[in-house]
Amino acid sequence: MWRTAHAEEIASAVASLMKEKRGTFARLDVRDKLGLSPEEWLWDYAAIFQGMRVDHPDIAPNVGSKFEGVFKRVSYGIYELTEYGEKIIKEYDCYACL
């Protein structure tokens, strides 16, 4: 249950970032948008973020089919939405006022 809640928070933060700028975003951007400390991000959100990648590492947790493949890594620490991710993020656009 908490995985889905964190995935939704991440999706909402990415929606907010996409309103501010188009294209790529960094994990740090998402963490800052959520107002998390480095420790909170590492222990509670980093693995969920990894599980949301289309190219996630095999050790990433299952985040549920809705949140799998939302974004992909384009370079170290830099990500962009997949076509599927763009559709999902639109659902969170109205919640982008974190």
PDB file of N, CA and C in Angstrom:
ATOM      1  N   MET A   1       0.824  -1.192   0.000  1.00  0.00           N
ATOM      2  CA  MET A   1       0.000   0.000   0.000  1.00  0.00           C
ATOM      3  C   MET A   1       0.870   1.260   0.000  1.00  0.00           C
ATOM      4  N   TRP A   2       1.885   1.310   0.859  1.00  0.00           N
ATOM      5  CA  TRP A   2       2.744   2.499   0.926  1.00  0.00           C
ATOM      6  C   TRP A   2       3.486   2.706  -0.372  1.00  0.00           C
ATOM      7  N   ARG A   3       3.793   1.609  -1.107  1.00  0.00           N
ATOM      8  CA  ARG A   3       4.480   1.761  -2.390  1.00  0.00           C
ATOM      9  C   ARG A   3       3.624   2.556  -3.356  1.00  0.00           C
ATOM     10  N   THR A   4       2.347   2.242  -3.401  1.00  0.00           N
ATOM     11  CA  THR A   4       1.439   2.958  -4.292  1.00  0.00           C
ATOM     12  C   THR A   4       1.319   4.415  -3.870  1.00  0.00           C
ATOM     13  N   ALA A   5       1.222   4.664  -2.582  1.00  0.00           N
ATOM     14  CA  ALA A   5       1.117   6.047  -2.101  1.00  0.00           C
ATOM     15  C   ALA A   5       2.360   6.842  -2.471  1.00  0.00           C
ATOM     16  N   HIS A   6       3.533   6.267  -2.281  1.00  0.00           N
ATOM     17  CA  HIS A   6       4.770   6.965  -2.643  1.00  0.00           C
ATOM     18  C   HIS A   6       4.864   7.143  -4.155  1.00  0.00           C
ATOM     19  N   ALA A   7       4.441   6.140  -4.916  1.00  0.00           N
ATOM     20  CA  ALA A   7       4.455   6.256  -6.382  1.00  0.00           C
ATOM     21  C   ALA A   7       3.527   7.387  -6.829  1.00  0.00           C
ATOM     22  N   GLU A   8       2.387   7.518  -6.189  1.00  0.00           N
ATOM     23  CA  GLU A   8       1.476   8.615  -6.523  1.00  0.00           C
ATOM     24  C   GLU A   8       2.077   9.964  -6.173  1.00  0.00           C
ATOM     25  N   GLU A   9       2.768  10.036  -5.046  1.00  0.00           N
ATOM     26  CA  GLU A   9       3.441  11.282  -4.673  1.00  0.00           C
ATOM     27  C   GLU A   9       4.514  11.642  -5.693  1.00  0.00           C
ATOM     28  N   ILE A  10       5.275  10.660  -6.123  1.00  0.00           N
ATOM     29  CA  ILE A  10       6.311  10.891  -7.134  1.00  0.00           C
ATOM     30  C   ILE A  10       5.672  11.335  -8.444  1.00  0.00           C
ATOM     31  N   ALA A  11       4.603  10.678  -8.857  1.00  0.00           N
ATOM     32  CA  ALA A  11       3.911  11.052 -10.091  1.00  0.00           C
ATOM     33  C   ALA A  11       3.393  12.487 -10.015  1.00  0.00           C
ATOM     34  N   SER A  12       2.860  12.860  -8.879  1.00  0.00           N
ATOM     35  CA  SER A  12       2.358  14.225  -8.693  1.00  0.00           C
ATOM     36  C   SER A  12       3.496  15.242  -8.767  1.00  0.00           C
ATOM     37  N   ALA A  13       4.625  14.908  -8.153  1.00  0.00           N
ATOM     38  CA  ALA A  13       5.789  15.806  -8.203  1.00  0.00           C
ATOM     39  C   ALA A  13       6.303  15.956  -9.631  1.00  0.00           C
ATOM     40  N   VAL A  14       6.345  14.858 -10.373  1.00  0.00           N
ATOM     41  CA  VAL A  14       6.791  14.925 -11.768  1.00  0.00           C
ATOM     42  C   VAL A  14       5.810  15.749 -12.601  1.00  0.00           C
ATOM     43  N   ALA A  15       4.515  15.608 -12.335  1.00  0.00           N
ATOM     44  CA  ALA A  15       3.515  16.422 -13.048  1.00  0.00           C
ATOM     45  C   ALA A  15       3.773  17.899 -12.804  1.00  0.00           C
ATOM     46  N   SER A  16       4.075  18.249 -11.576  1.00  0.00           N
ATOM     47  CA  SER A  16       4.372  19.639 -11.246  1.00  0.00           C
ATOM     48  C   SER A  16       5.632  20.112 -11.966  1.00  0.00           C
ATOM     49  N   LEU A  17       6.652  19.277 -11.996  1.00  0.00           N
ATOM     50  CA  LEU A  17       7.889  19.630 -12.703  1.00  0.00           C
ATOM     51  C   LEU A  17       7.647  19.811 -14.199  1.00  0.00           C
ATOM     52  N   MET A  18       6.790  18.983 -14.768  1.00  0.00           N
ATOM     53  CA  MET A  18       6.512  19.083 -16.201  1.00  0.00           C
ATOM     54  C   MET A  18       5.740  20.357 -16.535  1.00  0.00           C
ATOM     55  N   LYS A  19       4.980  20.875 -15.577  1.00  0.00           N
ATOM     56  CA  LYS A  19       4.310  22.159 -15.789  1.00  0.00           C
ATOM     57  C   LYS A  19       5.323  23.294 -15.825  1.00  0.00           C
ATOM     58  N   GLU A  20       6.393  23.142 -15.030  1.00  0.00           N
ATOM     59  CA  GLU A  20       7.423  24.175 -14.937  1.00  0.00           C
ATOM     60  C   GLU A  20       8.386  24.136 -16.106  1.00  0.00           C
ATOM     61  N   LYS A  21       8.713  22.933 -16.562  1.00  0.00           N
ATOM     62  CA  LYS A  21       9.662  22.782 -17.664  1.00  0.00           C
ATOM     63  C   LYS A  21       9.368  21.481 -18.391  1.00  0.00           C
ATOM     64  N   ARG A  22       9.546  21.493 -19.661  1.00  0.00           N
ATOM     65  CA  ARG A  22       9.325  20.290 -20.452  1.00  0.00           C
ATOM     66  C   ARG A  22      10.638  19.547 -20.635  1.00  0.00           C
ATOM     67  N   GLY A  23      10.552  18.263 -20.836  1.00  0.00           N
ATOM     68  CA  GLY A  23      11.736  17.495 -21.151  1.00  0.00           C
ATOM     69  C   GLY A  23      12.218  16.636 -20.010  1.00  0.00           C
ATOM     70  N   THR A  24      13.456  16.831 -19.633  1.00  0.00           N
ATOM     71  CA  THR A  24      14.071  15.958 -18.647  1.00  0.00           C
ATOM     72  C   THR A  24      13.961  16.537 -17.237  1.00  0.00           C
ATOM     73  N   PHE A  25      14.153  15.662 -16.277  1.00  0.00           N
ATOM     74  CA  PHE A  25      14.159  16.064 -14.874  1.00  0.00           C
ATOM     75  C   PHE A  25      15.134  15.164 -14.132  1.00  0.00           C
ATOM     76  N   ALA A  26      15.605  15.637 -13.021  1.00  0.00           N
ATOM     77  CA  ALA A  26      16.537  14.875 -12.195  1.00  0.00           C
ATOM     78  C   ALA A  26      15.809  14.289 -10.985  1.00  0.00           C
ATOM     79  N   ARG A  27      16.377  13.224 -10.451  1.00  0.00           N
ATOM     80  CA  ARG A  27      15.838  12.657  -9.215  1.00  0.00           C
ATOM     81  C   ARG A  27      15.831  13.709  -8.121  1.00  0.00           C
ATOM     82  N   LEU A  28      16.865  14.525  -8.093  1.00  0.00           N
ATOM     83  CA  LEU A  28      16.959  15.596  -7.098  1.00  0.00           C
ATOM     84  C   LEU A  28      15.798  16.580  -7.240  1.00  0.00           C
ATOM     85  N   ASP A  29      15.378  16.855  -8.474  1.00  0.00           N
ATOM     86  CA  ASP A  29      14.224  17.731  -8.697  1.00  0.00           C
ATOM     87  C   ASP A  29      12.980  17.157  -8.035  1.00  0.00           C
ATOM     88  N   VAL A  30      12.781  15.857  -8.193  1.00  0.00           N
ATOM     89  CA  VAL A  30      11.606  15.189  -7.610  1.00  0.00           C
ATOM     90  C   VAL A  30      11.696  15.233  -6.087  1.00  0.00           C
ATOM     91  N   ARG A  31      12.858  14.913  -5.558  1.00  0.00           N
ATOM     92  CA  ARG A  31      13.054  14.948  -4.098  1.00  0.00           C
ATOM     93  C   ARG A  31      12.777  16.342  -3.542  1.00  0.00           C
ATOM     94  N   ASP A  32      13.318  17.360  -4.206  1.00  0.00           N
ATOM     95  CA  ASP A  32      13.098  18.733  -3.751  1.00  0.00           C
ATOM     96  C   ASP A  32      11.624  19.126  -3.838  1.00  0.00           C
ATOM     97  N   LYS A  33      10.960  18.719  -4.909  1.00  0.00           N
ATOM     98  CA  LYS A  33       9.539  19.043  -5.078  1.00  0.00           C
ATOM     99  C   LYS A  33       8.711  18.414  -3.960  1.00  0.00           C
ATOM    100  N   LEU A  34       9.118  17.243  -3.511  1.00  0.00           N
ATOM    101  CA  LEU A  34       8.412  16.565  -2.420  1.00  0.00           C
ATOM    102  C   LEU A  34       8.806  17.097  -1.050  1.00  0.00           C
ATOM    103  N   GLY A  35       9.858  17.905  -1.000  1.00  0.00           N
ATOM    104  CA  GLY A  35      10.307  18.468   0.272  1.00  0.00           C
ATOM    105  C   GLY A  35      10.922  17.441   1.208  1.00  0.00           C
ATOM    106  N   LEU A  36      11.614  16.459   0.637  1.00  0.00           N
ATOM    107  CA  LEU A  36      12.191  15.381   1.431  1.00  0.00           C
ATOM    108  C   LEU A  36      13.669  15.622   1.719  1.00  0.00           C
ATOM    109  N   SER A  37      14.114  15.152   2.850  1.00  0.00           N
ATOM    110  CA  SER A  37      15.543  15.173   3.160  1.00  0.00           C
ATOM    111  C   SER A  37      16.203  14.060   2.342  1.00  0.00           C
ATOM    112  N   PRO A  38      17.527  14.122   2.193  1.00  0.00           N
ATOM    113  CA  PRO A  38      18.214  13.029   1.496  1.00  0.00           C
ATOM    114  C   PRO A  38      17.951  11.666   2.137  1.00  0.00           C
ATOM    115  N   GLU A  39      17.868  11.633   3.451  1.00  0.00           N
ATOM    116  CA  GLU A  39      17.627  10.379   4.154  1.00  0.00           C
ATOM    117  C   GLU A  39      16.214   9.850   3.888  1.00  0.00           C
ATOM    118  N   GLU A  40      15.224  10.729   3.951  1.00  0.00           N
ATOM    119  CA  GLU A  40      13.847  10.308   3.663  1.00  0.00           C
ATOM    120  C   GLU A  40      13.746   9.762   2.247  1.00  0.00           C
ATOM    121  N   TRP A  41      14.375  10.474   1.307  1.00  0.00           N
ATOM    122  CA  TRP A  41      14.341  10.024  -0.088  1.00  0.00           C
ATOM    123  C   TRP A  41      14.979   8.639  -0.194  1.00  0.00           C
ATOM    124  N   LEU A  42      16.152   8.480   0.358  1.00  0.00           N
ATOM    125  CA  LEU A  42      16.885   7.226   0.239  1.00  0.00           C
ATOM    126  C   LEU A  42      16.114   6.056   0.836  1.00  0.00           C
ATOM    127  N   TRP A  43      15.595   6.229   2.037  1.00  0.00           N
ATOM    128  CA  TRP A  43      14.954   5.114   2.735  1.00  0.00           C
ATOM    129  C   TRP A  43      13.517   4.840   2.295  1.00  0.00           C
ATOM    130  N   ASP A  44      12.789   5.858   1.873  1.00  0.00           N
ATOM    131  CA  ASP A  44      11.367   5.663   1.589  1.00  0.00           C
ATOM    132  C   ASP A  44      10.951   5.814   0.123  1.00  0.00           C
ATOM    133  N   TYR A  45      11.739   6.496  -0.695  1.00  0.00           N
ATOM    134  CA  TYR A  45      11.281   6.817  -2.041  1.00  0.00           C
ATOM    135  C   TYR A  45      12.198   6.356  -3.171  1.00  0.00           C
ATOM    136  N   ALA A  46      13.488   6.269  -2.952  1.00  0.00           N
ATOM    137  CA  ALA A  46      14.429   5.981  -4.044  1.00  0.00           C
ATOM    138  C   ALA A  46      14.120   4.665  -4.756  1.00  0.00           C
ATOM    139  N   ALA A  47      13.842   3.621  -4.003  1.00  0.00           N
ATOM    140  CA  ALA A  47      13.545   2.328  -4.617  1.00  0.00           C
ATOM    141  C   ALA A  47      12.233   2.371  -5.404  1.00  0.00           C
ATOM    142  N   ILE A  48      11.260   3.094  -4.889  1.00  0.00           N
ATOM    143  CA  ILE A  48       9.979   3.240  -5.588  1.00  0.00           C
ATOM    144  C   ILE A  48      10.204   3.983  -6.907  1.00  0.00           C
ATOM    145  N   PHE A  49      10.994   5.049  -6.862  1.00  0.00           N
ATOM    146  CA  PHE A  49      11.339   5.792  -8.071  1.00  0.00           C
ATOM    147  C   PHE A  49      11.968   4.846  -9.092  1.00  0.00           C
ATOM    148  N   GLN A  50      12.903   4.012  -8.651  1.00  0.00           N
ATOM    149  CA  GLN A  50      13.556   3.060  -9.561  1.00  0.00           C
ATOM    150  C   GLN A  50      12.533   2.109 -10.166  1.00  0.00           C
ATOM    151  N   GLY A  51      11.592   1.640  -9.363  1.00  0.00           N
ATOM    152  CA  GLY A  51      10.572   0.719  -9.854  1.00  0.00           C
ATOM    153  C   GLY A  51       9.637   1.334 -10.876  1.00  0.00           C
ATOM    154  N   MET A  52       9.578   2.651 -10.926  1.00  0.00           N
ATOM    155  CA  MET A  52       8.714   3.351 -11.884  1.00  0.00           C
ATOM    156  C   MET A  52       9.377   3.517 -13.248  1.00  0.00           C
ATOM    157  N   ARG A  53      10.655   3.178 -13.337  1.00  0.00           N
ATOM    158  CA  ARG A  53      11.384   3.296 -14.600  1.00  0.00           C
ATOM    159  C   ARG A  53      11.024   2.163 -15.548  1.00  0.00           C
ATOM    160  N   VAL A  54      10.972   2.462 -16.828  1.00  0.00           N
ATOM    161  CA  VAL A  54      10.758   1.429 -17.832  1.00  0.00           C
ATOM    162  C   VAL A  54      11.988   0.525 -17.915  1.00  0.00           C
ATOM    163  N   ASP A  55      13.132   1.075 -17.579  1.00  0.00           N
ATOM    164  CA  ASP A  55      14.401   0.353 -17.640  1.00  0.00           C
ATOM    165  C   ASP A  55      14.936   0.084 -16.237  1.00  0.00           C
ATOM    166  N   HIS A  56      14.030  -0.201 -15.299  1.00  0.00           N
ATOM    167  CA  HIS A  56      14.432  -0.341 -13.898  1.00  0.00           C
ATOM    168  C   HIS A  56      15.369  -1.520 -13.675  1.00  0.00           C
ATOM    169  N   PRO A  57      16.214  -1.381 -12.666  1.00  0.00           N
ATOM    170  CA  PRO A  57      17.091  -2.495 -12.300  1.00  0.00           C
ATOM    171  C   PRO A  57      16.252  -3.658 -11.764  1.00  0.00           C
ATOM    172  N   ASP A  58      16.762  -4.852 -11.895  1.00  0.00           N
ATOM    173  CA  ASP A  58      16.022  -6.039 -11.449  1.00  0.00           C
ATOM    174  C   ASP A  58      15.719  -6.040  -9.960  1.00  0.00           C
ATOM    175  N   ILE A  59      16.474  -5.278  -9.184  1.00  0.00           N
ATOM    176  CA  ILE A  59      16.257  -5.269  -7.734  1.00  0.00           C
ATOM    177  C   ILE A  59      15.193  -4.255  -7.297  1.00  0.00           C
ATOM    178  N   ALA A  60      14.652  -3.493  -8.240  1.00  0.00           N
ATOM    179  CA  ALA A  60      13.628  -2.495  -7.900  1.00  0.00           C
ATOM    180  C   ALA A  60      12.349  -3.194  -7.454  1.00  0.00           C
ATOM    181  N   PRO A  61      11.647  -2.617  -6.482  1.00  0.00           N
ATOM    182  CA  PRO A  61      10.403  -3.232  -6.008  1.00  0.00           C
ATOM    183  C   PRO A  61       9.282  -3.100  -7.039  1.00  0.00           C
ATOM    184  N   ASN A  62       8.318  -3.972  -6.921  1.00  0.00           N
ATOM    185  CA  ASN A  62       7.136  -3.903  -7.768  1.00  0.00           C
ATOM    186  C   ASN A  62       6.275  -2.736  -7.286  1.00  0.00           C
ATOM    187  N   VAL A  63       5.987  -1.804  -8.172  1.00  0.00           N
ATOM    188  CA  VAL A  63       5.181  -0.634  -7.807  1.00  0.00           C
ATOM    189  C   VAL A  63       3.759  -0.727  -8.338  1.00  0.00           C
ATOM    190  N   GLY A  64       3.419  -1.860  -8.929  1.00  0.00           N
ATOM    191  CA  GLY A  64       2.100  -2.035  -9.507  1.00  0.00           C
ATOM    192  C   GLY A  64       2.111  -1.641 -10.966  1.00  0.00           C
ATOM    193  N   SER A  65       1.273  -2.271 -11.745  1.00  0.00           N
ATOM    194  CA  SER A  65       1.298  -2.069 -13.197  1.00  0.00           C
ATOM    195  C   SER A  65       1.001  -0.631 -13.610  1.00  0.00           C
ATOM    196  N   LYS A  66       0.207   0.085 -12.837  1.00  0.00           N
ATOM    197  CA  LYS A  66      -0.111   1.473 -13.198  1.00  0.00           C
ATOM    198  C   LYS A  66       1.129   2.355 -13.217  1.00  0.00           C
ATOM    199  N   PHE A  67       2.078   2.103 -12.334  1.00  0.00           N
ATOM    200  CA  PHE A  67       3.229   2.991 -12.194  1.00  0.00           C
ATOM    201  C   PHE A  67       4.519   2.444 -12.811  1.00  0.00           C
ATOM    202  N   GLU A  68       4.465   1.273 -13.412  1.00  0.00           N
ATOM    203  CA  GLU A  68       5.655   0.740 -14.082  1.00  0.00           C
ATOM    204  C   GLU A  68       5.830   1.426 -15.433  1.00  0.00           C
ATOM    205  N   GLY A  69       7.068   1.768 -15.750  1.00  0.00           N
ATOM    206  CA  GLY A  69       7.360   2.321 -17.071  1.00  0.00           C
ATOM    207  C   GLY A  69       6.941   3.753 -17.283  1.00  0.00           C
ATOM    208  N   VAL A  70       6.866   4.530 -16.219  1.00  0.00           N
ATOM    209  CA  VAL A  70       6.431   5.925 -16.325  1.00  0.00           C
ATOM    210  C   VAL A  70       7.543   6.815 -16.888  1.00  0.00           C
ATOM    211  N   PHE A  71       8.780   6.512 -16.545  1.00  0.00           N
ATOM    212  CA  PHE A  71       9.882   7.292 -17.097  1.00  0.00           C
ATOM    213  C   PHE A  71      11.086   6.406 -17.346  1.00  0.00           C
ATOM    214  N   LYS A  72      12.043   6.963 -18.084  1.00  0.00           N
ATOM    215  CA  LYS A  72      13.260   6.223 -18.399  1.00  0.00           C
ATOM    216  C   LYS A  72      14.469   7.102 -18.148  1.00  0.00           C
ATOM    217  N   ARG A  73      15.557   6.449 -17.846  1.00  0.00           N
ATOM    218  CA  ARG A  73      16.807   7.153 -17.606  1.00  0.00           C
ATOM    219  C   ARG A  73      17.448   7.516 -18.940  1.00  0.00           C
ATOM    220  N   VAL A  74      17.836   8.777 -19.079  1.00  0.00           N
ATOM    221  CA  VAL A  74      18.499   9.218 -20.308  1.00  0.00           C
ATOM    222  C   VAL A  74      19.983   9.477 -20.080  1.00  0.00           C
ATOM    223  N   SER A  75      20.364   9.726 -18.841  1.00  0.00           N
ATOM    224  CA  SER A  75      21.759   9.807 -18.429  1.00  0.00           C
ATOM    225  C   SER A  75      21.768   9.686 -16.911  1.00  0.00           C
ATOM    226  N   TYR A  76      22.959   9.645 -16.328  1.00  0.00           N
ATOM    227  CA  TYR A  76      23.051   9.422 -14.885  1.00  0.00           C
ATOM    228  C   TYR A  76      22.245  10.469 -14.115  1.00  0.00           C
ATOM    229  N   GLY A  77      21.223  10.006 -13.401  1.00  0.00           N
ATOM    230  CA  GLY A  77      20.397  10.878 -12.574  1.00  0.00           C
ATOM    231  C   GLY A  77      19.394  11.731 -13.320  1.00  0.00           C
ATOM    232  N   ILE A  78      19.305  11.566 -14.651  1.00  0.00           N
ATOM    233  CA  ILE A  78      18.407  12.375 -15.479  1.00  0.00           C
ATOM    234  C   ILE A  78      17.396  11.450 -16.163  1.00  0.00           C
ATOM    235  N   TYR A  79      16.139  11.879 -16.149  1.00  0.00           N
ATOM    236  CA  TYR A  79      15.044  11.040 -16.636  1.00  0.00           C
ATOM    237  C   TYR A  79      14.109  11.845 -17.532  1.00  0.00           C
ATOM    238  N   GLU A  80      13.322  11.121 -18.318  1.00  0.00           N
ATOM    239  CA  GLU A  80      12.261  11.731 -19.099  1.00  0.00           C
ATOM    240  C   GLU A  80      11.060  10.799 -19.084  1.00  0.00           C
ATOM    241  N   LEU A  81       9.896  11.376 -19.300  1.00  0.00           N
ATOM    242  CA  LEU A  81       8.678  10.575 -19.333  1.00  0.00           C
ATOM    243  C   LEU A  81       8.655   9.700 -20.571  1.00  0.00           C
ATOM    244  N   THR A  82       8.102   8.513 -20.415  1.00  0.00           N
ATOM    245  CA  THR A  82       7.820   7.669 -21.569  1.00  0.00           C
ATOM    246  C   THR A  82       6.477   8.129 -22.145  1.00  0.00           C
ATOM    247  N   GLU A  83       6.103   7.590 -23.274  1.00  0.00           N
ATOM    248  CA  GLU A  83       4.791   7.915 -23.847  1.00  0.00           C
ATOM    249  C   GLU A  83       3.689   7.526 -22.853  1.00  0.00           C
ATOM    250  N   TYR A  84       3.835   6.352 -22.249  1.00  0.00           N
ATOM    251  CA  TYR A  84       2.883   5.925 -21.221  1.00  0.00           C
ATOM    252  C   TYR A  84       2.911   6.887 -20.034  1.00  0.00           C
ATOM    253  N   GLY A  85       4.098   7.300 -19.630  1.00  0.00           N
ATOM    254  CA  GLY A  85       4.248   8.217 -18.517  1.00  0.00           C
ATOM    255  C   GLY A  85       3.544   9.540 -18.740  1.00  0.00           C
ATOM    256  N   GLU A  86       3.593  10.038 -19.967  1.00  0.00           N
ATOM    257  CA  GLU A  86       2.906  11.296 -20.275  1.00  0.00           C
ATOM    258  C   GLU A  86       1.407  11.166 -20.052  1.00  0.00           C
ATOM    259  N   LYS A  87       0.847  10.008 -20.373  1.00  0.00           N
ATOM    260  CA  LYS A  87      -0.585   9.773 -20.142  1.00  0.00           C
ATOM    261  C   LYS A  87      -0.888   9.712 -18.646  1.00  0.00           C
ATOM    262  N   ILE A  88      -0.060   8.989 -17.901  1.00  0.00           N
ATOM    263  CA  ILE A  88      -0.273   8.850 -16.456  1.00  0.00           C
ATOM    264  C   ILE A  88      -0.140  10.196 -15.748  1.00  0.00           C
ATOM    265  N   ILE A  89       0.851  10.961 -16.115  1.00  0.00           N
ATOM    266  CA  ILE A  89       1.115  12.241 -15.458  1.00  0.00           C
ATOM    267  C   ILE A  89      -0.059  13.208 -15.638  1.00  0.00           C
ATOM    268  N   LYS A  90      -0.760  13.098 -16.744  1.00  0.00           N
ATOM    269  CA  LYS A  90      -1.936  13.966 -16.949  1.00  0.00           C
ATOM    270  C   LYS A  90      -2.981  13.747 -15.863  1.00  0.00           C
ATOM    271  N   GLU A  91      -3.072  12.540 -15.321  1.00  0.00           N
ATOM    272  CA  GLU A  91      -4.014  12.256 -14.233  1.00  0.00           C
ATOM    273  C   GLU A  91      -3.646  13.027 -12.972  1.00  0.00           C
ATOM    274  N   TYR A  92      -2.379  13.336 -12.818  1.00  0.00           N
ATOM    275  CA  TYR A  92      -1.890  13.992 -11.609  1.00  0.00           C
ATOM    276  C   TYR A  92      -1.684  15.482 -11.794  1.00  0.00           C
ATOM    277  N   ASP A  93      -1.982  15.967 -12.970  1.00  0.00           N
ATOM    278  CA  ASP A  93      -1.782  17.380 -13.286  1.00  0.00           C
ATOM    279  C   ASP A  93      -2.552  18.280 -12.326  1.00  0.00           C
ATOM    280  N   CYS A  94      -3.749  17.888 -11.941  1.00  0.00           N
ATOM    281  CA  CYS A  94      -4.541  18.728 -11.034  1.00  0.00           C
ATOM    282  C   CYS A  94      -4.021  18.672  -9.611  1.00  0.00           C
ATOM    283  N   TYR A  95      -3.150  17.732  -9.300  1.00  0.00           N
ATOM    284  CA  TYR A  95      -2.566  17.634  -7.968  1.00  0.00           C
ATOM    285  C   TYR A  95      -1.157  18.198  -7.928  1.00  0.00           C
ATOM    286  N   ALA A  96      -0.775  18.914  -8.964  1.00  0.00           N
ATOM    287  CA  ALA A  96       0.608  19.344  -9.114  1.00  0.00           C
ATOM    288  C   ALA A  96       0.986  20.529  -8.218  1.00  0.00           C
ATOM    289  N   CYS A  97       0.165  20.869  -7.302  1.00  0.00           N
ATOM    290  CA  CYS A  97       0.448  22.027  -6.432  1.00  0.00           C
ATOM    291  C   CYS A  97       1.011  21.578  -5.096  1.00  0.00           C
ATOM    292  N   LEU A  98       1.985  20.712  -5.105  1.00  0.00           N
ATOM    293  CA  LEU A  98       2.568  20.213  -3.857  1.00  0.00           C
ATOM    294  C   LEU A  98       3.191  21.315  -3.037  1.00  0.00           C
TER     295      LEU A  98
END
